[in-house]
């Protein structure tokens, strides 16, 4: 075979091998990058989920406090109404 024929064929084979190796490396790197991104997203989601859980707990505590305050306000209103009644009775009598 003449050198004019096998040199381009050999160069084509070498270039194909280099392209395959480069593709394999890039695929591996892409897979690693994807794994890092997924881990980051999973960590961020856990942080968000924990924050939401804390907010839910805080809301329950706030609701309980509001309930207690409503009860106290109702007692104070009754006491004030009773005091006004006694004051009115003292003014009349």
N, C-alpha and C. Protein backbone atom coordinates (compact mmCIF):
# COMPACT_ATOMS: atom_id res chain seq x y z
N UNK A 1 0.85 -1.17 0.00
CA UNK A 1 0.00 0.00 0.00
C UNK A 1 0.90 1.24 0.00
N UNK A 2 0.47 2.24 -0.69
CA UNK A 2 1.27 3.45 -0.83
C UNK A 2 1.09 4.33 0.40
N UNK A 3 2.15 5.06 0.78
CA UNK A 3 2.08 5.93 1.97
C UNK A 3 1.02 7.00 1.84
N UNK A 4 0.67 7.40 0.64
CA UNK A 4 -0.35 8.43 0.47
C UNK A 4 -1.71 7.94 0.94
N UNK A 5 -1.89 6.63 0.99
CA UNK A 5 -3.18 6.05 1.37
C UNK A 5 -3.23 5.74 2.87
N UNK A 6 -2.21 5.09 3.40
CA UNK A 6 -2.29 4.64 4.79
C UNK A 6 -2.02 5.75 5.79
N UNK A 7 -1.31 6.82 5.44
CA UNK A 7 -1.07 7.93 6.39
C UNK A 7 -2.38 8.63 6.74
N UNK A 8 -3.23 8.99 5.79
CA UNK A 8 -4.51 9.61 6.16
C UNK A 8 -5.41 8.65 6.95
N UNK A 9 -5.33 7.37 6.61
CA UNK A 9 -6.15 6.40 7.34
C UNK A 9 -5.65 6.28 8.77
N UNK A 10 -4.35 6.23 8.96
CA UNK A 10 -3.78 6.14 10.31
C UNK A 10 -4.12 7.39 11.12
N UNK A 11 -3.98 8.55 10.48
CA UNK A 11 -4.31 9.79 11.18
C UNK A 11 -5.80 9.84 11.54
N UNK A 12 -6.63 9.35 10.68
CA UNK A 12 -8.06 9.32 10.97
C UNK A 12 -8.35 8.40 12.15
N UNK A 13 -7.67 7.27 12.20
CA UNK A 13 -7.86 6.34 13.33
C UNK A 13 -7.39 6.97 14.63
N UNK A 14 -6.25 7.63 14.62
CA UNK A 14 -5.73 8.30 15.82
C UNK A 14 -6.69 9.39 16.27
N UNK A 15 -7.19 10.16 15.33
CA UNK A 15 -8.13 11.23 15.68
C UNK A 15 -9.43 10.65 16.25
N UNK A 16 -9.88 9.52 15.71
CA UNK A 16 -11.09 8.89 16.23
C UNK A 16 -10.87 8.39 17.65
N UNK A 17 -9.70 7.82 17.91
CA UNK A 17 -9.38 7.34 19.27
C UNK A 17 -9.32 8.52 20.24
N UNK A 18 -8.67 9.61 19.82
CA UNK A 18 -8.60 10.81 20.69
C UNK A 18 -10.01 11.35 20.95
N UNK A 19 -10.84 11.36 19.93
CA UNK A 19 -12.21 11.86 20.10
C UNK A 19 -12.99 10.98 21.08
N UNK A 20 -12.83 9.67 20.98
CA UNK A 20 -13.53 8.75 21.89
C UNK A 20 -13.05 8.95 23.32
N UNK A 21 -11.74 9.09 23.52
CA UNK A 21 -11.20 9.30 24.86
C UNK A 21 -11.70 10.62 25.44
N UNK A 22 -11.70 11.67 24.62
CA UNK A 22 -12.19 12.98 25.08
C UNK A 22 -13.66 12.90 25.45
N UNK A 23 -14.43 12.21 24.63
CA UNK A 23 -15.86 12.06 24.92
C UNK A 23 -16.08 11.31 26.23
N UNK A 24 -15.30 10.26 26.46
CA UNK A 24 -15.42 9.49 27.70
C UNK A 24 -15.08 10.35 28.91
N UNK A 25 -14.00 11.14 28.80
CA UNK A 25 -13.62 12.02 29.91
C UNK A 25 -14.71 13.05 30.19
N UNK A 26 -15.23 13.66 29.12
CA UNK A 26 -16.27 14.68 29.28
C UNK A 26 -17.54 14.08 29.88
N UNK A 27 -17.89 12.87 29.46
CA UNK A 27 -19.07 12.21 30.02
C UNK A 27 -18.89 11.95 31.50
N UNK A 28 -17.71 11.49 31.89
CA UNK A 28 -17.42 11.24 33.31
C UNK A 28 -17.50 12.54 34.10
N UNK A 29 -16.90 13.60 33.56
CA UNK A 29 -16.93 14.90 34.25
C UNK A 29 -18.36 15.42 34.35
N UNK A 30 -19.14 15.26 33.29
CA UNK A 30 -20.55 15.69 33.33
C UNK A 30 -21.32 14.93 34.38
N UNK A 31 -21.06 13.63 34.48
CA UNK A 31 -21.73 12.82 35.50
C UNK A 31 -21.35 13.28 36.91
N UNK A 32 -20.08 13.61 37.10
CA UNK A 32 -19.63 14.11 38.40
C UNK A 32 -20.29 15.46 38.70
N UNK A 33 -20.34 16.33 37.71
CA UNK A 33 -20.98 17.63 37.90
C UNK A 33 -22.47 17.47 38.24
N UNK A 34 -23.13 16.54 37.55
CA UNK A 34 -24.54 16.28 37.84
C UNK A 34 -24.72 15.77 39.27
N UNK A 35 -23.82 14.90 39.70
CA UNK A 35 -23.91 14.37 41.06
C UNK A 35 -23.73 15.48 42.09
N UNK A 36 -22.80 16.38 41.83
CA UNK A 36 -22.58 17.51 42.75
C UNK A 36 -23.81 18.40 42.78
N UNK A 37 -24.39 18.69 41.63
CA UNK A 37 -25.58 19.54 41.57
C UNK A 37 -26.74 18.88 42.29
N UNK A 38 -26.92 17.58 42.11
CA UNK A 38 -28.01 16.88 42.78
C UNK A 38 -27.82 16.90 44.28
N UNK A 39 -26.58 16.71 44.73
CA UNK A 39 -26.31 16.74 46.17
C UNK A 39 -26.59 18.13 46.73
N UNK A 40 -26.21 19.15 45.98
CA UNK A 40 -26.46 20.53 46.42
C UNK A 40 -27.96 20.80 46.51
N UNK A 41 -28.70 20.37 45.51
CA UNK A 41 -30.15 20.58 45.51
C UNK A 41 -30.79 19.82 46.67
N UNK A 42 -30.33 18.59 46.90
CA UNK A 42 -30.88 17.79 48.00
C UNK A 42 -30.61 18.47 49.34
N UNK A 43 -29.40 18.99 49.51
CA UNK A 43 -29.06 19.70 50.75
C UNK A 43 -29.91 20.95 50.92
N UNK A 44 -30.06 21.70 49.84
CA UNK A 44 -30.88 22.92 49.89
C UNK A 44 -32.34 22.59 50.23
N UNK A 45 -32.86 21.53 49.63
CA UNK A 45 -34.24 21.12 49.92
C UNK A 45 -34.40 20.72 51.38
N UNK A 46 -33.41 20.02 51.92
CA UNK A 46 -33.48 19.63 53.34
C UNK A 46 -33.48 20.87 54.22
N UNK A 47 -32.62 21.84 53.89
CA UNK A 47 -32.56 23.09 54.65
C UNK A 47 -33.91 23.81 54.59
N UNK A 48 -34.51 23.87 53.41
CA UNK A 48 -35.82 24.52 53.25
C UNK A 48 -36.88 23.76 54.03
N UNK A 49 -36.86 22.42 53.96
CA UNK A 49 -37.85 21.60 54.68
C UNK A 49 -37.72 21.82 56.19
N UNK A 50 -36.48 21.87 56.69
CA UNK A 50 -36.28 22.12 58.11
C UNK A 50 -36.79 23.50 58.52
N UNK A 51 -36.56 24.49 57.65
CA UNK A 51 -37.05 25.84 57.93
C UNK A 51 -38.57 25.88 57.97
N UNK A 52 -39.21 25.18 57.06
CA UNK A 52 -40.68 25.13 57.04
C UNK A 52 -41.20 24.45 58.29
N UNK A 53 -40.54 23.37 58.72
CA UNK A 53 -40.95 22.68 59.95
C UNK A 53 -40.85 23.61 61.16
N UNK A 54 -39.78 24.40 61.21
CA UNK A 54 -39.62 25.36 62.31
C UNK A 54 -40.73 26.42 62.27
N UNK A 55 -41.06 26.89 61.09
CA UNK A 55 -42.13 27.88 60.95
C UNK A 55 -43.46 27.30 61.40
N UNK A 56 -43.73 26.04 61.06
CA UNK A 56 -44.98 25.40 61.49
C UNK A 56 -45.04 25.31 63.01
N UNK A 57 -43.93 24.94 63.63
CA UNK A 57 -43.90 24.85 65.09
C UNK A 57 -44.14 26.23 65.70
N UNK A 58 -43.46 27.25 65.16
CA UNK A 58 -43.65 28.61 65.65
C UNK A 58 -45.10 29.05 65.50
N UNK A 59 -45.73 28.72 64.38
CA UNK A 59 -47.13 29.08 64.17
C UNK A 59 -48.04 28.42 65.20
N UNK A 60 -47.76 27.17 65.54
CA UNK A 60 -48.58 26.49 66.55
C UNK A 60 -48.45 27.19 67.90
N UNK A 61 -47.22 27.58 68.24
CA UNK A 61 -47.00 28.29 69.50
C UNK A 61 -47.72 29.63 69.49
N UNK A 62 -47.64 30.34 68.38
CA UNK A 62 -48.31 31.64 68.27
C UNK A 62 -49.82 31.48 68.39
N UNK A 63 -50.37 30.45 67.74
CA UNK A 63 -51.81 30.21 67.84
C UNK A 63 -52.22 29.93 69.28
N UNK A 64 -51.41 29.15 69.99
CA UNK A 64 -51.72 28.86 71.39
C UNK A 64 -51.66 30.15 72.22
N UNK A 65 -50.65 30.98 71.96
CA UNK A 65 -50.54 32.25 72.69
C UNK A 65 -51.73 33.16 72.40
N UNK A 66 -52.15 33.21 71.16
CA UNK A 66 -53.31 34.03 70.79
C UNK A 66 -54.55 33.53 71.51
N UNK A 67 -54.70 32.20 71.57
CA UNK A 67 -55.85 31.63 72.28
C UNK A 67 -55.85 32.03 73.75
N UNK A 68 -54.68 31.98 74.38
CA UNK A 68 -54.58 32.39 75.79
C UNK A 68 -54.90 33.87 75.93
N UNK A 69 -54.39 34.70 75.03
CA UNK A 69 -54.65 36.13 75.10
C UNK A 69 -56.14 36.43 74.91
N UNK A 70 -56.81 35.71 74.02
CA UNK A 70 -58.24 35.91 73.83
C UNK A 70 -59.00 35.59 75.11
N UNK A 71 -58.60 34.53 75.78
CA UNK A 71 -59.25 34.17 77.04
C UNK A 71 -59.03 35.26 78.08
N UNK A 72 -57.80 35.75 78.18
CA UNK A 72 -57.49 36.80 79.16
C UNK A 72 -58.25 38.08 78.84
N UNK A 73 -58.33 38.45 77.55
CA UNK A 73 -59.06 39.66 77.16
C UNK A 73 -60.54 39.51 77.51
N UNK A 74 -61.10 38.34 77.29
CA UNK A 74 -62.51 38.13 77.63
C UNK A 74 -62.73 38.30 79.13
N UNK A 75 -61.80 37.77 79.95
CA UNK A 75 -61.92 37.94 81.41
C UNK A 75 -61.80 39.41 81.80
N UNK A 76 -60.86 40.12 81.18
CA UNK A 76 -60.68 41.55 81.49
C UNK A 76 -61.92 42.33 81.09
N UNK A 77 -62.50 42.02 79.94
CA UNK A 77 -63.72 42.71 79.52
C UNK A 77 -64.85 42.46 80.50
N UNK A 78 -64.98 41.23 80.98
CA UNK A 78 -66.02 40.93 81.97
C UNK A 78 -65.77 41.70 83.26
N UNK A 79 -64.49 41.75 83.66
CA UNK A 79 -64.14 42.47 84.89
C UNK A 79 -64.42 43.96 84.75
N UNK A 80 -64.10 44.51 83.59
CA UNK A 80 -64.35 45.94 83.35
C UNK A 80 -65.84 46.21 83.35
N UNK A 81 -66.61 45.34 82.71
CA UNK A 81 -68.06 45.52 82.68
C UNK A 81 -68.63 45.46 84.10
N UNK A 82 -68.11 44.54 84.90
CA UNK A 82 -68.57 44.43 86.28
C UNK A 82 -68.19 45.68 87.08
N UNK A 83 -66.97 46.18 86.84
CA UNK A 83 -66.52 47.38 87.54
C UNK A 83 -67.38 48.58 87.14
N UNK A 84 -67.71 48.70 85.86
CA UNK A 84 -68.57 49.80 85.42
C UNK A 84 -69.95 49.69 86.07
N UNK A 85 -70.42 48.48 86.16
CA UNK A 85 -71.74 48.29 86.80
C UNK A 85 -71.68 48.74 88.26
N UNK A 86 -70.65 48.37 88.98
CA UNK A 86 -70.53 48.78 90.38
C UNK A 86 -70.36 50.29 90.51
N UNK A 87 -69.59 50.88 89.57
CA UNK A 87 -69.41 52.35 89.60
C UNK A 87 -70.76 53.04 89.36
N UNK A 88 -71.52 52.52 88.36
CA UNK A 88 -72.84 53.11 88.08
C UNK A 88 -73.74 52.97 89.29
N UNK A 89 -73.69 51.80 89.97
CA UNK A 89 -74.51 51.62 91.16
C UNK A 89 -74.11 52.58 92.26
N UNK A 90 -72.83 52.84 92.42
CA UNK A 90 -72.36 53.78 93.45
C UNK A 90 -72.78 55.21 93.10
N UNK A 91 -72.79 55.57 91.82
CA UNK A 91 -73.20 56.91 91.43
C UNK A 91 -74.68 57.12 91.69
N UNK A 92 -75.49 56.07 91.49
CA UNK A 92 -76.93 56.17 91.68
C UNK A 92 -77.26 56.23 93.16
N UNK A 93 -76.53 55.50 93.93
CA UNK A 93 -76.91 55.36 95.33
C UNK A 93 -76.31 56.29 96.24
